[in-house]
Every structure is written in C-alpha cells, then in structure tokens.
Amino acid sequence: MEKYVLGIDLGTSAVKVSCLDQYGKIKVQKSISYPILMPENGYREQDPEIWVKATVECIQKIIKEIGKNSIIEGLSFSGQMHSLVLLDKNYRVIRPAILWNDARSEEEANYINDCFGQEIVKITGNKAVAGFTLPKLLWIKKNERENYNKIAFFLMPKDYVRYRLTGKINMDLSDATGTLMLNIEKNTWSKRILDYFKIPGEICPSLVNSTEFIGNPLKEICEKTGLQINTKIFAGAGDNAAAAVGAGIYDSNNILCSIGTSGVVLSDERKPHEPYEGSIQMEHHAIENRYYSMGVTLSAGDSLNWFKKTLCPDLSFDQIIEKASQSPIGSNHLLFSPYLSGERAPYSDSYIRGSFIGLSQTTSISDFCRAVIEGITFSLKDLINIYESNYKKINKIISIGGGAKSQFWLQIQADIFQKEIICLKNEQGPGIGAAMIAAMGCRWFNDWESCINSFVTYKRDAVKPNESSANVYDKIYGIYRKMYGATAAMTRKALLVE
C-alpha cells in the first residue's frame, strides 16, 4: 500500500492540491480557479463556499487517480493570510470574506497605529496596515454593525476549509500572527489589544502549532472525496510560512523571493523582534519556536495579470515574456510602479496607485511588457534593501513563483538584486510546504532538517548577475525610487474626487 500526504494550497485565485509520496515526489496535482469579487474600488472579497467546493473536488480527483492501492495518510494546508472570514453562532458565514489585498480599512489601520504607536510592534511584531485582520474587523464594527453583532468566530481562509473538513475550529500561530491580535512572545491572544478595541475574546479561535493534529475528516467529507475516516488532518500554516518550508528556508542568511499575486521577500529569524521596527512583518514560522520576517509588495504577479487582461489579452504569458526580451534594459526609458492595490512595504499606503512614466511615440508593446516586469522586480529590490540596511547578510536568494518560471526574468532579478539566484527543482512553494507539514505530523521524519533534505532540492546552476547590466539597473533603480514620492499626493487626491 503506497502512502501519500496532501498539501492543500488555498491561494487567492485558485486552490492547488498536491499529492506527495514519502520521498517528496509529486504523484499528482489538481487545481481549480475561482473569482475575486470587487464590489468597489480597492475592495477584494470572496465567497468562502467556493474554497470548500474547489478543495473537495480536487481531493476527489486525486484519490480517484491514485487508485485503491494507495492511502492518504495525512493532509495539511497553506492559505492566503490576513483575510477575514466571519461565522455566526450556527457556524454559518456572515458575509463574503474580506481578502488580504483589500484596501478599505486604511483609516482603521492608521487609528490603531495612532492609539498604540510602537507598542503595537512590541506586542505583535508588526505595525497596522490595511491588509491585516484587525483593521478589517474594526471596519466591520464601524460600517456593518449588524454583521459585527452576529460574530461568533473569525477565521482565516484555510482555517474555514479545515473546519468544514473536520468540524473543528482553531488557528495556527503563523496565521494568528498576521491578525495583529496575537502577542508574538506569549503565543496568546493579546488581552491588551482586545480590551482596548472592545473585541470579545470568545470570537478568537483556539491556537495550535502548524503540525498539530486537528482531527479526522467528517463522514460526509469522506463520502464526497474518498478520503478514509482515519486520515489525519493537521493545522497547516499561512501561505508564506508554508512557502518558506517548501523552499527550505531554515537558515537566517537565505532569502526567499516569491512572485505570486503579491510579491514577498522572506527570511528565517530566530527571535520575534529583529531590528526592523515594523518596517516589514514578523510572523511565526510553521517550524515550531521559529519566526520569519517578510516584506510584501501587494501587486506583483497581479500587475502582470492586469497588464495582460487589459492591454494584451490575446498574448499568452510566455508571449509577453518573449516580447519583453525584445526591449532593451530600462524598457526604452519607460518606468512602471506596481502599486495597483496600494502598497504595504516599504510604503504603507493604501491610496497610492500604479504609474507608467516615460511614454513617447517610440514606446512599443515590448517596452510595456518589459517595464511591468522590471517595475515588479524593482519593488522587490525595495524589500531586499530593508534587510541589507539592517545588516542582514544575504548568502543567496531562492526565487519561486511566476518570476522563477522564466530564465529571462530570473536574469533580471539577478541583475537588479545584484545577487545569485537559485531555483527549486520542484517549484511548488506553499503546496509542498503544506505537504511537508503533514509529513512531519505523520512522523515520517524525526526533525525538520531531515524533512527538508528529502523534500527540497535545488537546481545546480545559479543565475549570476551580469555586471554591466547590473550597473545600468542601479542607475534606473535610483530613478524608480523617486516615483512613489512624486505620485503619492497626486494619486490620493485623484482617488478622492467624486
């Protein structure tokens, strides 16, 4: 009987379920996409039911494909962070989930920072930004009082799906850190924060570690999916914590660069308070008693998706990359800032919006393609600068996500970051991390190092920076750095015009 684990990666635009064997090899994967609701400018929502349906369908397809001589011993989760799911006393969803990249709660985030100052960083490891869960909860309290009064529990997306599979409600520490309500040192919900904002503690779910056994699938789930009643379901982690596991980020001098819907630069940390003073996020790792720091640019791959959909819908992503390669470094003097949904780091500003600067009669579609890719990469360079300005030594950058699928884009990363870039042989990021959490929960390995050595392998050839290209990019980046200051007030005023 072949044994497998499932890693369920509940992303912003799709769920992907990966089935791995005891040697870390992928047996089969299934993915289903779902829509994002945008009822107003800056709003991002989803119906939690679509996550459940898509996850159940993926599991069902996988079990059918692997056959009767196989067994799913355990499964775990990776999920989009910060998004707010609200349940009433009957465990029914009260309203659509407010997603991590929703910008409506800027006023509430500023209010939190004004009330607490640096104390909020000391308690939670983070400053308040609109994407976090607490500002969303305060927005609901202010603007949807009837819904607020119905709240019995709040959850993260993966926690809701896990509840629907097991009937158990809880939240792992990595996702709880991103709520802005957890005391990061004590690993408890912060009474100081909850009391200050008059949030009842009973709506906060019980806290667990990522590898903690939560329960077995409900009978109805077994009937729908084909899972066995003794399959073990483990808590899982926020997507970035799971991505760190899946990329083998277990060394404080390794940096992960992930280009998905958002862009993330992430580093392993040994203490909950490193010298970043809230300029980037500090979260619990999926690995017990470890932490990670994380800088986020909100619209990385999302900028490329927008560009394709809006300006060149007939081109595939591969064709966009090909056209970009036909434009010179600097995109024929065209610059792009990827602030389509506001920005989180290094600028905590939900009102900033994206810009193209340098348009002329000679600007071609190839220049647009390259400018978007370069702008996304410059925004990630902003995050790397935060680490280096705080004296973090960076040995290597591990690139995952859309930016790791193109040799052309990998070279741009190497040239702009002026670092060697390493890629994974099996580039599945958070889903592999979720499967590894299940493998550790099933006790396939005695320690995380053994698990990482079995599941995570890197390509031998690093992508090295080209010195002449790096020098040109260094000059262009100096101009890019001025775009935020030049456009922030302007875009804020434009958004307020009725």
Protein backbone atom coordinates (compact mmCIF):
# COMPACT_ATOMS: atom_id res chain seq x y z
CA MET A 1 0.00 0.00 0.00
CA GLU A 2 1.54 3.30 -1.16
CA LYS A 3 1.38 6.10 1.42
CA TYR A 4 0.89 9.75 0.49
CA VAL A 5 0.24 13.14 2.05
CA LEU A 6 -1.76 16.01 0.55
CA GLY A 7 -0.72 19.66 0.60
CA ILE A 8 -3.71 21.95 0.08
CA ASP A 9 -2.64 25.41 -1.06
CA LEU A 10 -5.62 27.76 -0.78
CA GLY A 11 -4.49 30.72 -2.85
CA THR A 12 -6.16 33.99 -3.78
CA SER A 13 -7.13 32.93 -7.28
CA ALA A 14 -7.10 29.11 -7.08
CA VAL A 15 -6.69 26.09 -4.84
CA LYS A 16 -3.96 23.61 -5.76
CA VAL A 17 -3.79 20.21 -4.08
CA SER A 18 -0.52 18.26 -4.31
CA CYS A 19 -0.16 14.55 -3.54
CA LEU A 20 3.39 13.56 -2.47
CA ASP A 21 4.99 10.26 -1.53
CA GLN A 22 7.38 9.59 1.37
CA TYR A 23 10.36 10.65 -0.73
CA GLY A 24 8.95 14.07 -1.52
CA LYS A 25 7.99 13.24 -5.10
CA ILE A 26 4.76 14.59 -6.53
CA LYS A 27 2.39 11.83 -7.58
CA VAL A 28 -0.39 14.05 -8.89
CA GLN A 29 -1.68 17.62 -8.61
CA LYS A 30 -5.07 19.18 -9.21
CA SER A 31 -6.05 22.84 -9.31
CA ILE A 32 -9.31 24.79 -9.62
CA SER A 33 -9.57 28.56 -10.09
CA TYR A 34 -12.18 30.83 -8.56
CA PRO A 35 -13.12 34.50 -8.92
CA ILE A 36 -12.36 37.54 -6.78
CA LEU A 37 -15.25 39.91 -6.09
CA MET A 38 -14.52 43.65 -6.40
CA PRO A 39 -17.72 45.45 -5.33
CA GLU A 40 -15.95 48.82 -5.06
CA ASN A 41 -12.60 50.36 -5.95
CA GLY A 42 -9.99 48.89 -3.60
CA TYR A 43 -12.35 46.19 -2.27
CA ARG A 44 -11.43 42.49 -2.64
CA GLU A 45 -13.79 39.74 -1.42
CA GLN A 46 -14.54 36.04 -1.94
CA ASP A 47 -17.33 33.62 -1.10
CA PRO A 48 -15.79 31.03 1.28
CA GLU A 49 -18.05 28.32 -0.13
CA ILE A 50 -16.08 28.33 -3.39
CA TRP A 51 -12.92 27.39 -1.46
CA VAL A 52 -14.65 24.37 0.06
CA LYS A 53 -16.18 23.17 -3.20
CA ALA A 54 -12.91 23.54 -5.12
CA THR A 55 -10.87 21.79 -2.41
CA VAL A 56 -13.30 18.85 -2.15
CA GLU A 57 -13.35 18.46 -5.93
CA CYS A 58 -9.53 18.46 -6.16
CA ILE A 59 -9.20 15.84 -3.42
CA GLN A 60 -11.86 13.71 -5.08
CA LYS A 61 -9.99 13.79 -8.41
CA ILE A 62 -6.66 12.95 -6.80
CA ILE A 63 -7.98 9.95 -4.87
CA LYS A 64 -9.68 8.65 -7.98
CA GLU A 65 -6.42 8.96 -9.92
CA ILE A 66 -4.05 7.35 -7.40
CA GLY A 67 -6.25 4.26 -7.12
CA LYS A 68 -7.31 1.80 -4.45
CA ASN A 69 -3.81 0.54 -3.65
CA SER A 70 -2.86 3.93 -2.22
CA ILE A 71 -3.68 5.66 1.05
CA ILE A 72 -3.71 9.34 2.01
CA GLU A 73 -2.19 9.15 5.48
CA GLY A 74 -2.42 12.86 6.24
CA LEU A 75 -3.11 16.28 4.81
CA SER A 76 -2.44 19.87 5.73
CA PHE A 77 -2.91 23.39 4.46
CA SER A 78 -1.33 26.53 3.18
CA GLY A 79 -3.62 29.53 2.89
CA GLN A 80 -3.85 33.19 1.94
CA MET A 81 -3.08 35.21 5.06
CA HIS A 82 -4.90 38.06 6.83
CA SER A 83 -8.22 37.52 5.01
CA LEU A 84 -11.23 37.79 7.33
CA VAL A 85 -13.88 35.05 7.49
CA LEU A 86 -16.76 35.65 9.91
CA LEU A 87 -19.03 32.94 11.35
CA ASP A 88 -22.22 33.28 13.38
CA LYS A 89 -23.27 31.13 16.36
CA ASN A 90 -24.55 28.45 13.95
CA TYR A 91 -21.12 28.38 12.20
CA ARG A 92 -22.57 29.94 9.06
CA VAL A 93 -20.64 32.52 7.03
CA ILE A 94 -21.98 36.01 7.80
CA ARG A 95 -20.66 37.88 4.73
CA PRO A 96 -18.12 37.39 1.94
CA ALA A 97 -14.53 37.13 3.20
CA ILE A 98 -12.53 40.37 3.07
CA LEU A 99 -9.21 39.46 1.44
CA TRP A 100 -5.64 40.33 2.38
CA ASN A 101 -5.30 42.78 -0.54
CA ASP A 102 -8.47 44.71 0.31
CA ALA A 103 -7.65 48.38 0.94
CA ARG A 104 -10.84 49.65 2.62
CA SER A 105 -9.53 49.71 6.20
CA GLU A 106 -6.73 52.27 5.83
CA GLU A 107 -8.43 54.62 8.29
CA GLU A 108 -8.73 51.83 10.88
CA ALA A 109 -5.06 50.85 10.42
CA ASN A 110 -3.98 54.45 10.98
CA TYR A 111 -6.20 54.64 14.06
CA ILE A 112 -4.55 51.53 15.53
CA ASN A 113 -1.07 52.96 14.95
CA ASP A 114 -2.11 56.32 16.42
CA CYS A 115 -3.51 54.61 19.53
CA PHE A 116 -0.59 52.26 20.15
CA GLY A 117 2.46 53.72 18.38
CA GLN A 118 5.43 51.36 18.62
CA GLU A 119 3.68 49.37 21.34
CA ILE A 120 1.75 47.54 18.63
CA VAL A 121 5.10 46.36 17.19
CA LYS A 122 6.31 45.25 20.63
CA ILE A 123 3.15 43.21 21.20
CA THR A 124 2.53 41.74 17.74
CA GLY A 125 5.82 42.21 15.86
CA ASN A 126 4.02 44.36 13.30
CA LYS A 127 2.60 47.79 12.56
CA ALA A 128 -1.02 48.02 11.48
CA VAL A 129 -1.66 48.08 7.73
CA ALA A 130 -4.96 47.87 5.88
CA GLY A 131 -4.31 44.30 4.80
CA PHE A 132 -4.17 42.89 8.34
CA THR A 133 -7.17 41.30 10.03
CA LEU A 134 -7.72 43.66 12.99
CA PRO A 135 -8.30 46.76 10.80
CA LYS A 136 -10.84 44.76 8.77
CA LEU A 137 -12.62 43.70 11.95
CA LEU A 138 -12.78 47.31 13.13
CA TRP A 139 -14.12 48.35 9.71
CA ILE A 140 -16.92 45.78 10.09
CA LYS A 141 -17.63 47.09 13.59
CA LYS A 142 -17.93 50.65 12.28
CA ASN A 143 -19.67 50.08 8.95
CA GLU A 144 -21.62 46.82 9.30
CA ARG A 145 -22.74 46.80 12.91
CA GLU A 146 -25.46 44.23 12.33
CA ASN A 147 -22.93 41.79 10.89
CA TYR A 148 -20.45 42.57 13.68
CA ASN A 149 -23.03 41.71 16.34
CA LYS A 150 -23.53 38.27 14.76
CA ILE A 151 -19.85 37.27 15.01
CA ALA A 152 -19.19 34.09 16.99
CA PHE A 153 -15.77 33.32 15.44
CA PHE A 154 -13.35 34.84 12.99
CA LEU A 155 -11.07 32.61 10.94
CA MET A 156 -8.50 32.66 8.16
CA PRO A 157 -9.48 31.05 4.82
CA LYS A 158 -7.60 27.77 5.32
CA ASP A 159 -9.00 27.51 8.85
CA TYR A 160 -12.52 27.74 7.48
CA VAL A 161 -11.87 24.99 4.93
CA ARG A 162 -10.28 22.85 7.65
CA TYR A 163 -13.35 23.44 9.84
CA ARG A 164 -15.58 22.25 7.01
CA LEU A 165 -13.46 19.11 6.68
CA THR A 166 -13.17 18.31 10.40
CA GLY A 167 -15.85 20.24 12.29
CA LYS A 168 -13.07 21.74 14.49
CA ILE A 169 -12.35 25.47 14.84
CA ASN A 170 -8.83 26.72 15.55
CA MET A 171 -5.99 28.78 14.08
CA ASP A 172 -2.28 28.09 13.82
CA LEU A 173 0.27 30.55 15.17
CA SER A 174 1.68 31.57 11.79
CA ASP A 175 -1.71 32.86 10.61
CA ALA A 176 -2.61 34.24 14.04
CA THR A 177 0.46 36.49 13.96
CA GLY A 178 -0.94 38.13 10.84
CA THR A 179 -4.16 39.16 12.58
CA LEU A 180 -2.45 41.91 14.63
CA MET A 181 -4.13 40.48 17.71
CA LEU A 182 -1.56 37.91 18.86
CA ASN A 183 1.09 38.52 21.49
CA ILE A 184 4.03 37.18 19.48
CA GLU A 185 6.17 36.36 22.52
CA LYS A 186 3.50 34.79 24.74
CA ASN A 187 1.70 32.94 21.88
CA THR A 188 -1.66 34.07 23.23
CA TRP A 189 -4.33 36.46 22.03
CA SER A 190 -3.40 39.91 23.34
CA LYS A 191 -5.81 40.93 26.11
CA ARG A 192 -4.41 44.45 25.89
CA ILE A 193 -5.40 44.81 22.22
CA LEU A 194 -8.74 43.04 22.51
CA ASP A 195 -9.76 45.05 25.58
CA TYR A 196 -8.68 48.36 24.05
CA PHE A 197 -10.86 47.86 20.95
CA LYS A 198 -13.63 46.10 22.91
CA ILE A 199 -13.35 42.90 20.89
CA PRO A 200 -14.75 39.89 22.78
CA GLY A 201 -12.07 37.28 23.36
CA GLU A 202 -14.51 34.43 22.73
CA ILE A 203 -14.57 35.18 18.98
CA CYS A 204 -10.85 34.32 18.80
CA PRO A 205 -10.25 30.66 17.88
CA SER A 206 -8.05 28.37 19.96
CA LEU A 207 -4.38 28.45 18.96
CA VAL A 208 -2.36 25.48 17.71
CA ASN A 209 1.04 24.75 16.15
CA SER A 210 1.22 24.12 12.41
CA THR A 211 1.94 20.38 12.75
CA GLU A 212 -0.73 19.80 15.39
CA PHE A 213 -3.25 17.03 14.71
CA ILE A 214 -6.71 18.60 14.45
CA GLY A 215 -8.91 15.62 13.67
CA ASN A 216 -10.13 13.21 11.01
CA PRO A 217 -12.40 14.05 8.08
CA LEU A 218 -16.11 14.11 8.72
CA LYS A 219 -18.15 11.21 7.36
CA GLU A 220 -19.80 13.42 4.74
CA ILE A 221 -16.36 14.60 3.55
CA CYS A 222 -15.14 11.00 3.26
CA GLU A 223 -18.20 10.19 1.17
CA LYS A 224 -17.65 13.16 -1.14
CA THR A 225 -13.86 12.86 -1.55
CA GLY A 226 -12.95 9.21 -0.98
CA LEU A 227 -10.73 10.09 1.99
CA GLN A 228 -10.60 7.40 4.67
CA ILE A 229 -12.07 8.14 8.06
CA ASN A 230 -8.65 7.69 9.74
CA THR A 231 -6.86 10.24 7.51
CA LYS A 232 -5.02 12.68 9.79
CA ILE A 233 -5.66 16.40 9.26
CA PHE A 234 -3.06 18.85 10.57
CA ALA A 235 -3.37 22.59 11.21
CA GLY A 236 -1.15 23.94 8.44
CA ALA A 237 0.22 27.46 8.03
CA GLY A 238 -0.19 30.79 6.30
CA ASP A 239 0.97 30.66 2.70
CA ASN A 240 4.24 32.45 3.27
CA ALA A 241 5.21 30.28 6.23
CA ALA A 242 4.38 27.21 4.14
CA ALA A 243 6.34 28.63 1.19
CA ALA A 244 9.34 29.11 3.49
CA VAL A 245 9.13 25.44 4.49
CA GLY A 246 8.68 24.35 0.87
CA ALA A 247 11.73 26.34 -0.19
CA GLY A 248 13.88 25.07 2.68
CA ILE A 249 14.24 28.47 4.40
CA TYR A 250 15.84 27.21 7.57
CA ASP A 251 18.96 29.38 7.52
CA SER A 252 18.79 33.03 8.59
CA ASN A 253 21.12 34.08 5.74
CA ASN A 254 18.88 32.68 2.99
CA ILE A 255 16.22 34.91 1.46
CA LEU A 256 13.10 33.74 -0.34
CA CYS A 257 11.77 35.85 -3.21
CA SER A 258 8.26 34.80 -4.19
CA ILE A 259 6.36 36.36 -7.09
CA GLY A 260 2.72 35.33 -6.89
CA THR A 261 -0.33 37.60 -6.81
CA SER A 262 1.72 39.60 -4.33
CA GLY A 263 5.50 39.74 -4.15
CA VAL A 264 7.24 38.55 -0.99
CA VAL A 265 10.81 38.73 0.28
CA LEU A 266 11.16 36.49 3.34
CA SER A 267 13.88 35.48 5.78
CA ASP A 268 14.12 32.98 8.65
CA GLU A 269 14.53 34.64 12.07
CA ARG A 270 15.49 33.20 15.46
CA LYS A 271 13.85 35.88 17.63
CA PRO A 272 10.40 37.51 17.44
CA HIS A 273 11.82 41.04 17.50
CA GLU A 274 14.53 41.75 14.96
CA PRO A 275 15.67 45.35 14.28
CA TYR A 276 13.09 46.19 11.60
CA GLU A 277 10.81 48.26 13.89
CA GLY A 278 7.71 47.23 11.97
CA SER A 279 9.03 48.26 8.53
CA ILE A 280 8.44 44.65 7.46
CA GLN A 281 6.28 41.94 9.01
CA MET A 282 7.34 39.49 11.71
CA GLU A 283 5.46 36.20 11.85
CA HIS A 284 5.59 32.78 13.45
CA HIS A 285 7.20 30.16 11.20
CA ALA A 286 5.47 26.86 10.52
CA ILE A 287 8.51 25.37 12.27
CA GLU A 288 7.86 25.43 16.00
CA ASN A 289 9.70 28.09 18.03
CA ARG A 290 10.99 29.80 14.88
CA TYR A 291 9.96 33.03 13.17
CA TYR A 292 10.26 34.68 9.80
CA SER A 293 10.31 38.27 8.63
CA MET A 294 8.56 39.29 5.46
CA GLY A 295 8.31 42.31 3.20
CA VAL A 296 5.33 42.42 0.85
CA THR A 297 4.59 44.31 -2.34
CA LEU A 298 0.88 43.91 -2.96
CA SER A 299 0.65 43.77 -6.76
CA ALA A 300 3.47 41.70 -8.22
CA GLY A 301 2.05 38.94 -10.40
CA ASP A 302 -1.25 40.80 -10.08
CA SER A 303 0.30 43.64 -12.09
CA LEU A 304 1.23 41.24 -14.86
CA ASN A 305 -2.26 39.70 -14.78
CA TRP A 306 -3.81 43.16 -15.02
CA PHE A 307 -1.49 44.13 -17.86
CA LYS A 308 -2.32 41.01 -19.85
CA LYS A 309 -6.07 41.27 -19.30
CA THR A 310 -6.27 44.99 -20.02
CA LEU A 311 -3.67 45.76 -22.68
CA CYS A 312 -2.79 42.50 -24.43
CA PRO A 313 -5.48 39.85 -23.80
CA ASP A 314 -4.54 37.96 -26.96
CA LEU A 315 -0.99 37.30 -25.75
CA SER A 316 -0.06 34.37 -23.53
CA PHE A 317 2.24 35.00 -20.56
CA ASP A 318 5.06 33.29 -22.47
CA GLN A 319 4.49 35.66 -25.38
CA ILE A 320 4.56 38.65 -23.03
CA ILE A 321 7.92 37.47 -21.68
CA GLU A 322 9.17 36.97 -25.25
CA LYS A 323 8.13 40.49 -26.23
CA ALA A 324 9.75 41.88 -23.07
CA SER A 325 13.04 40.28 -24.09
CA GLN A 326 12.93 42.32 -27.33
CA SER A 327 13.05 45.60 -25.38
CA PRO A 328 16.37 46.97 -24.06
CA ILE A 329 17.31 47.27 -20.38
CA GLY A 330 15.22 50.11 -19.00
CA SER A 331 12.37 49.41 -21.42
CA ASN A 332 13.25 52.27 -23.78
CA HIS A 333 13.07 54.77 -20.86
CA LEU A 334 9.65 53.53 -19.66
CA LEU A 335 9.16 53.05 -15.89
CA PHE A 336 6.31 51.24 -14.15
CA SER A 337 5.38 51.35 -10.46
CA PRO A 338 3.23 48.33 -9.48
CA TYR A 339 1.00 49.98 -6.87
CA LEU A 340 -2.32 48.84 -8.34
CA SER A 341 -3.85 47.96 -4.96
CA GLY A 342 -1.88 50.37 -2.80
CA GLU A 343 1.37 49.25 -1.20
CA ARG A 344 2.46 47.60 2.02
CA ALA A 345 6.27 47.85 2.16
CA PRO A 346 8.33 49.93 2.19
CA TYR A 347 5.39 52.35 1.85
CA SER A 348 2.35 51.58 3.96
CA ASP A 349 -0.13 53.40 1.73
CA SER A 350 -3.46 52.06 0.51
CA TYR A 351 -4.09 55.19 -1.60
CA ILE A 352 -1.04 55.01 -3.86
CA ARG A 353 -1.72 53.69 -7.37
CA GLY A 354 0.44 52.46 -10.22
CA SER A 355 2.06 54.61 -12.88
CA PHE A 356 3.75 54.42 -16.25
CA ILE A 357 6.29 57.23 -16.67
CA GLY A 358 8.30 57.96 -19.81
CA LEU A 359 5.78 57.26 -22.57
CA SER A 360 6.71 58.53 -26.03
CA GLN A 361 5.89 57.91 -29.69
CA THR A 362 8.63 55.29 -29.77
CA THR A 363 7.19 53.25 -26.87
CA SER A 364 6.27 49.77 -28.10
CA ILE A 365 4.24 46.92 -26.65
CA SER A 366 7.57 45.18 -25.95
CA ASP A 367 8.61 48.18 -23.84
CA PHE A 368 5.36 47.97 -21.86
CA CYS A 369 5.93 44.24 -21.26
CA ARG A 370 9.47 44.75 -20.02
CA ALA A 371 8.60 47.82 -17.93
CA VAL A 372 5.97 45.85 -15.98
CA ILE A 373 8.45 43.05 -15.26
CA GLU A 374 11.19 45.49 -14.29
CA GLY A 375 8.83 47.53 -12.09
CA ILE A 376 7.72 44.44 -10.18
CA THR A 377 11.36 43.47 -9.66
CA PHE A 378 12.32 46.98 -8.54
CA SER A 379 9.56 46.81 -5.91
CA LEU A 380 11.11 43.59 -4.59
CA LYS A 381 14.52 45.30 -4.56
CA ASP A 382 12.95 47.85 -2.17
CA LEU A 383 12.29 44.97 0.24
CA ILE A 384 15.78 43.49 -0.07
CA ASN A 385 17.17 46.94 0.77
CA ILE A 386 15.35 46.86 4.12
CA TYR A 387 17.21 43.69 5.08
CA GLU A 388 20.59 44.94 3.94
CA SER A 389 20.13 48.31 5.66
CA ASN A 390 19.61 46.32 8.87
CA TYR A 391 22.90 44.47 8.37
CA LYS A 392 21.46 41.14 7.35
CA LYS A 393 23.96 39.15 5.35
CA ILE A 394 22.28 37.55 2.35
CA ASN A 395 24.06 34.43 1.10
CA LYS A 396 21.60 33.51 -1.63
CA ILE A 397 18.14 34.33 -2.94
CA ILE A 398 15.77 31.47 -3.67
CA SER A 399 13.27 32.51 -6.32
CA ILE A 400 9.84 30.90 -6.57
CA GLY A 401 6.54 31.73 -8.24
CA GLY A 402 5.94 33.27 -11.64
CA GLY A 403 9.30 35.04 -11.66
CA ALA A 404 11.13 31.71 -11.40
CA LYS A 405 9.47 30.20 -14.46
CA SER A 406 11.36 32.37 -16.97
CA GLN A 407 15.12 32.40 -17.44
CA PHE A 408 14.77 35.94 -18.78
CA TRP A 409 13.01 37.15 -15.62
CA LEU A 410 15.47 35.27 -13.39
CA GLN A 411 18.31 37.15 -15.08
CA ILE A 412 16.52 40.46 -14.48
CA GLN A 413 16.20 39.51 -10.80
CA ALA A 414 19.91 38.67 -10.58
CA ASP A 415 20.86 41.95 -12.28
CA ILE A 416 18.54 44.19 -10.26
CA PHE A 417 19.17 42.46 -6.91
CA GLN A 418 22.90 42.05 -7.73
CA LYS A 419 22.72 38.59 -6.15
CA GLU A 420 22.96 34.99 -7.31
CA ILE A 421 19.51 33.48 -7.78
CA ILE A 422 18.79 29.83 -7.02
CA CYS A 423 15.67 27.92 -8.07
CA LEU A 424 13.98 24.82 -6.79
CA LYS A 425 13.87 21.67 -8.93
CA ASN A 426 10.30 21.16 -7.81
CA GLU A 427 8.88 24.67 -7.65
CA GLN A 428 5.54 24.36 -5.92
CA GLY A 429 6.20 26.57 -2.89
CA PRO A 430 3.34 26.70 -0.37
CA GLY A 431 1.68 23.45 -1.50
CA ILE A 432 4.88 21.47 -0.95
CA GLY A 433 5.29 23.20 2.42
CA ALA A 434 1.77 22.13 3.39
CA ALA A 435 2.55 18.54 2.38
CA MET A 436 5.76 18.70 4.45
CA ILE A 437 3.74 19.86 7.47
CA ALA A 438 1.52 16.79 7.00
CA ALA A 439 4.59 14.55 6.65
CA MET A 440 6.01 15.90 9.92
CA GLY A 441 2.60 15.48 11.57
CA CYS A 442 2.52 11.86 10.39
CA ARG A 443 6.03 11.43 11.88
CA TRP A 444 7.62 10.42 8.61
CA PHE A 445 10.69 12.33 9.82
CA ASN A 446 12.29 12.90 13.21
CA ASP A 447 13.20 16.53 12.55
CA TRP A 448 12.64 19.35 10.08
CA GLU A 449 16.16 19.19 8.68
CA SER A 450 15.60 15.58 7.55
CA CYS A 451 12.24 16.50 6.03
CA ILE A 452 13.73 19.46 4.14
CA ASN A 453 16.63 17.35 2.86
CA SER A 454 14.15 14.80 1.50
CA PHE A 455 11.53 17.12 0.02
CA VAL A 456 13.53 20.18 -1.10
CA THR A 457 16.09 20.07 -3.91
CA TYR A 458 17.69 22.99 -5.76
CA LYS A 459 18.85 23.36 -9.33
CA ARG A 460 22.63 23.21 -9.55
CA ASP A 461 23.16 26.24 -11.77
CA ALA A 462 22.65 29.60 -10.07
CA VAL A 463 21.74 32.63 -12.19
CA LYS A 464 24.51 35.16 -11.69
CA PRO A 465 24.26 38.93 -12.19
CA ASN A 466 25.72 40.45 -15.33
CA GLU A 467 27.95 43.28 -14.12
CA SER A 468 27.28 45.71 -16.97
CA SER A 469 23.50 45.13 -16.79
CA ALA A 470 23.57 45.48 -13.00
CA ASN A 471 25.30 48.86 -13.30
CA VAL A 472 22.64 50.16 -15.70
CA TYR A 473 19.84 48.87 -13.48
CA ASP A 474 21.41 50.54 -10.46
CA LYS A 475 21.02 53.93 -12.14
CA ILE A 476 17.45 53.22 -13.28
CA TYR A 477 16.52 51.99 -9.81
CA GLY A 478 17.64 55.33 -8.39
CA ILE A 479 15.00 56.99 -10.59
CA TYR A 480 12.38 54.35 -9.74
CA ARG A 481 12.86 55.09 -6.03
CA LYS A 482 11.58 58.64 -6.64
CA MET A 483 8.32 57.54 -8.28
CA TYR A 484 6.44 56.95 -5.03
CA GLY A 485 7.22 60.40 -3.63
CA ALA A 486 6.41 62.05 -6.94
CA THR A 487 2.99 60.42 -7.34
CA ALA A 488 1.67 59.69 -3.81
CA ALA A 489 -0.12 63.00 -3.16
CA MET A 490 -1.40 63.16 -6.73
CA THR A 491 -2.99 59.72 -6.74
CA ARG A 492 -4.50 60.24 -3.28
CA LYS A 493 -6.22 63.42 -4.49
CA ALA A 494 -7.41 61.70 -7.67
CA LEU A 495 -9.00 58.86 -5.66
CA LEU A 496 -10.93 61.32 -3.51
CA VAL A 497 -12.51 63.09 -6.49
CA GLU A 498 -16.18 62.14 -6.79
